[in-house]
C-alpha atoms as a PDB file:
ATOM      1  CA  UNK A   1     -42.945 -98.146  90.250  1.00  0.00           C
ATOM      2  CA  UNK A   2     -39.834 -96.096  91.603  1.00  0.00           C
ATOM      3  CA  UNK A   3     -37.280 -94.980  88.851  1.00  0.00           C
ATOM      4  CA  UNK A   4     -33.947 -94.696  89.783  1.00  0.00           C
ATOM      5  CA  UNK A   5     -30.767 -94.141  87.491  1.00  0.00           C
ATOM      6  CA  UNK A   6     -27.141 -94.392  88.108  1.00  0.00           C
ATOM      7  CA  UNK A   7     -25.044 -92.026  85.699  1.00  0.00           C
ATOM      8  CA  UNK A   8     -21.336 -92.631  87.328  1.00  0.00           C
ATOM      9  CA  UNK A   9     -19.265 -92.406  83.879  1.00  0.00           C
ATOM     10  CA  UNK A  10     -15.740 -93.683  83.949  1.00  0.00           C
ATOM     11  CA  UNK A  11     -15.533 -95.192  87.290  1.00  0.00           C
ATOM     12  CA  UNK A  12     -13.426 -98.080  87.502  1.00  0.00           C
ATOM     13  CA  UNK A  13     -14.100-101.552  89.313  1.00  0.00           C
ATOM     14  CA  UNK A  14     -12.090-104.710  89.496  1.00  0.00           C
ATOM     15  CA  UNK A  15     -14.011-107.904  88.667  1.00  0.00           C
ATOM     16  CA  UNK A  16     -12.759-110.982  89.785  1.00  0.00           C
ATOM     17  CA  UNK A  17     -13.840-114.111  88.395  1.00  0.00           C
ATOM     18  CA  UNK A  18     -15.949-116.000  90.869  1.00  0.00           C
ATOM     19  CA  UNK A  19     -16.456-113.461  93.025  1.00  0.00           C
ATOM     20  CA  UNK A  20     -19.776-111.358  93.199  1.00  0.00           C
ATOM     21  CA  UNK A  21     -19.540-107.597  93.120  1.00  0.00           C
ATOM     22  CA  UNK A  22     -21.927-106.031  95.811  1.00  0.00           C
ATOM     23  CA  UNK A  23     -22.931-102.419  96.562  1.00  0.00           C
ATOM     24  CA  UNK A  24     -25.311-101.363  99.499  1.00  0.00           C
ATOM     25  CA  UNK A  25     -28.342 -99.561  98.500  1.00  0.00           C
ATOM     26  CA  UNK A  26     -27.904 -96.099  99.675  1.00  0.00           C
ATOM     27  CA  UNK A  27     -31.604 -95.029  98.565  1.00  0.00           C
ATOM     28  CA  UNK A  28     -33.471 -92.056  99.121  1.00  0.00           C
ATOM     29  CA  UNK A  29     -34.681 -91.466  95.119  1.00  0.00           C
ATOM     30  CA  UNK A  30     -37.867 -91.500  93.548  1.00  0.00           C
ATOM     31  CA  UNK A  31     -39.715 -88.605  92.086  1.00  0.00           C
ATOM     32  CA  UNK A  32     -43.543 -87.827  91.571  1.00  0.00           C
ATOM     33  CA  UNK A  33     -45.404 -85.084  90.006  1.00  0.00           C
ATOM     34  CA  UNK A  34     -48.510 -83.328  91.225  1.00  0.00           C
ATOM     35  CA  UNK A  35     -50.743 -85.336  89.190  1.00  0.00           C
ATOM     36  CA  UNK A  36     -49.769 -88.690  90.718  1.00  0.00           C
ATOM     37  CA  UNK A  37     -52.300 -90.081  93.127  1.00  0.00           C
ATOM     38  CA  UNK A  38     -51.787 -89.304  97.016  1.00  0.00           C
ATOM     39  CA  UNK A  39     -50.918 -92.922  97.895  1.00  0.00           C
ATOM     40  CA  UNK A  40     -48.432 -93.016  95.331  1.00  0.00           C
ATOM     41  CA  UNK A  41     -46.895 -89.511  96.267  1.00  0.00           C
ATOM     42  CA  UNK A  42     -46.898 -90.559 100.040  1.00  0.00           C
ATOM     43  CA  UNK A  43     -45.444 -94.044  99.112  1.00  0.00           C
ATOM     44  CA  UNK A  44     -42.378 -92.112  96.832  1.00  0.00           C
ATOM     45  CA  UNK A  45     -41.675 -89.798  99.847  1.00  0.00           C
ATOM     46  CA  UNK A  46     -41.055 -92.590 102.286  1.00  0.00           C
ATOM     47  CA  UNK A  47     -38.554 -94.197 100.128  1.00  0.00           C
ATOM     48  CA  UNK A  48     -36.975 -90.896  99.633  1.00  0.00           C
ATOM     49  CA  UNK A  49     -36.714 -91.039 103.333  1.00  0.00           C
ATOM     50  CA  UNK A  50     -34.871 -94.443 102.892  1.00  0.00           C
ATOM     51  CA  UNK A  51     -37.930 -95.938 104.696  1.00  0.00           C
ATOM     52  CA  UNK A  52     -39.476 -98.928 102.788  1.00  0.00           C
ATOM     53  CA  UNK A  53     -43.309 -99.458 103.387  1.00  0.00           C
ATOM     54  CA  UNK A  54     -44.259-103.184 104.279  1.00  0.00           C
ATOM     55  CA  UNK A  55     -44.559-105.201 100.875  1.00  0.00           C
ATOM     56  CA  UNK A  56     -43.129-107.427  98.179  1.00  0.00           C
ATOM     57  CA  UNK A  57     -40.621-105.576  95.955  1.00  0.00           C
ATOM     58  CA  UNK A  58     -39.250-106.674  92.682  1.00  0.00           C
ATOM     59  CA  UNK A  59     -35.761-104.647  91.356  1.00  0.00           C
ATOM     60  CA  UNK A  60     -34.940-104.810  87.899  1.00  0.00           C
ATOM     61  CA  UNK A  61     -31.083-103.885  87.501  1.00  0.00           C
ATOM     62  CA  UNK A  62     -29.361-103.090  84.519  1.00  0.00           C
ATOM     63  CA  UNK A  63     -25.539-102.806  84.374  1.00  0.00           C
ATOM     64  CA  UNK A  64     -24.077-101.246  80.924  1.00  0.00           C
ATOM     65  CA  UNK A  65     -20.081-101.422  80.817  1.00  0.00           C
ATOM     66  CA  UNK A  66     -17.196-102.130  79.009  1.00  0.00           C
ATOM     67  CA  UNK A  67     -13.726-103.743  79.431  1.00  0.00           C
ATOM     68  CA  UNK A  68     -10.513-103.053  77.883  1.00  0.00           C
ATOM     69  CA  UNK A  69     -10.140-106.325  75.912  1.00  0.00           C
ATOM     70  CA  UNK A  70      -6.833-105.507  74.294  1.00  0.00           C
ATOM     71  CA  UNK A  71      -4.311-103.257  76.298  1.00  0.00           C
ATOM     72  CA  UNK A  72      -2.453-102.253  73.552  1.00  0.00           C
ATOM     73  CA  UNK A  73      -5.148-101.275  70.962  1.00  0.00           C
ATOM     74  CA  UNK A  74      -7.183-100.210  73.908  1.00  0.00           C
ATOM     75  CA  UNK A  75     -10.103-102.257  72.042  1.00  0.00           C
ATOM     76  CA  UNK A  76     -13.404-102.302  73.896  1.00  0.00           C
ATOM     77  CA  UNK A  77     -15.452-105.289  74.679  1.00  0.00           C
ATOM     78  CA  UNK A  78     -19.325-104.147  75.626  1.00  0.00           C
ATOM     79  CA  UNK A  79     -21.511-105.956  78.208  1.00  0.00           C
ATOM     80  CA  UNK A  80     -25.067-105.248  78.783  1.00  0.00           C
ATOM     81  CA  UNK A  81     -26.418-107.574  82.268  1.00  0.00           C
ATOM     82  CA  UNK A  82     -29.860-107.390  83.317  1.00  0.00           C
ATOM     83  CA  UNK A  83     -31.149-108.865  86.393  1.00  0.00           C
ATOM     84  CA  UNK A  84     -34.586-109.103  88.790  1.00  0.00           C
ATOM     85  CA  UNK A  85     -34.832-109.294  92.776  1.00  0.00           C
ATOM     86  CA  UNK A  86     -37.636-109.916  94.573  1.00  0.00           C
ATOM     87  CA  UNK A  87     -37.559-109.041  98.371  1.00  0.00           C
ATOM     88  CA  UNK A  88     -39.891-108.892 100.881  1.00  0.00           C
ATOM     89  CA  UNK A  89     -40.462-106.105 103.806  1.00  0.00           C
ATOM     90  CA  UNK A  90     -42.140-106.939 106.795  1.00  0.00           C
ATOM     91  CA  UNK A  91     -42.672-104.588 109.809  1.00  0.00           C
ATOM     92  CA  UNK A  92     -40.836-105.479 112.732  1.00  0.00           C
ATOM     93  CA  UNK A  93     -43.101-104.145 115.354  1.00  0.00           C
END
């Protein structure tokens, strides 16, 4: 498991109905403690260098945000969206 948090309050993004919002992964995140197994530490160090080792990955994403549903009263409508994406990394050699 690679934990990655993104706490960016008060960013604004204009969403357009029917158009996906895509953001490029600019990784390099992850963490470990000295008590973790060596294999896990080596894996996380590779990820921190933005090098995904060959294998199958499952990414769990969560978007927690609000929109102003009434401009006059500034009433907010809150959303929490969850999704899972699977991908495979193959050695290009």
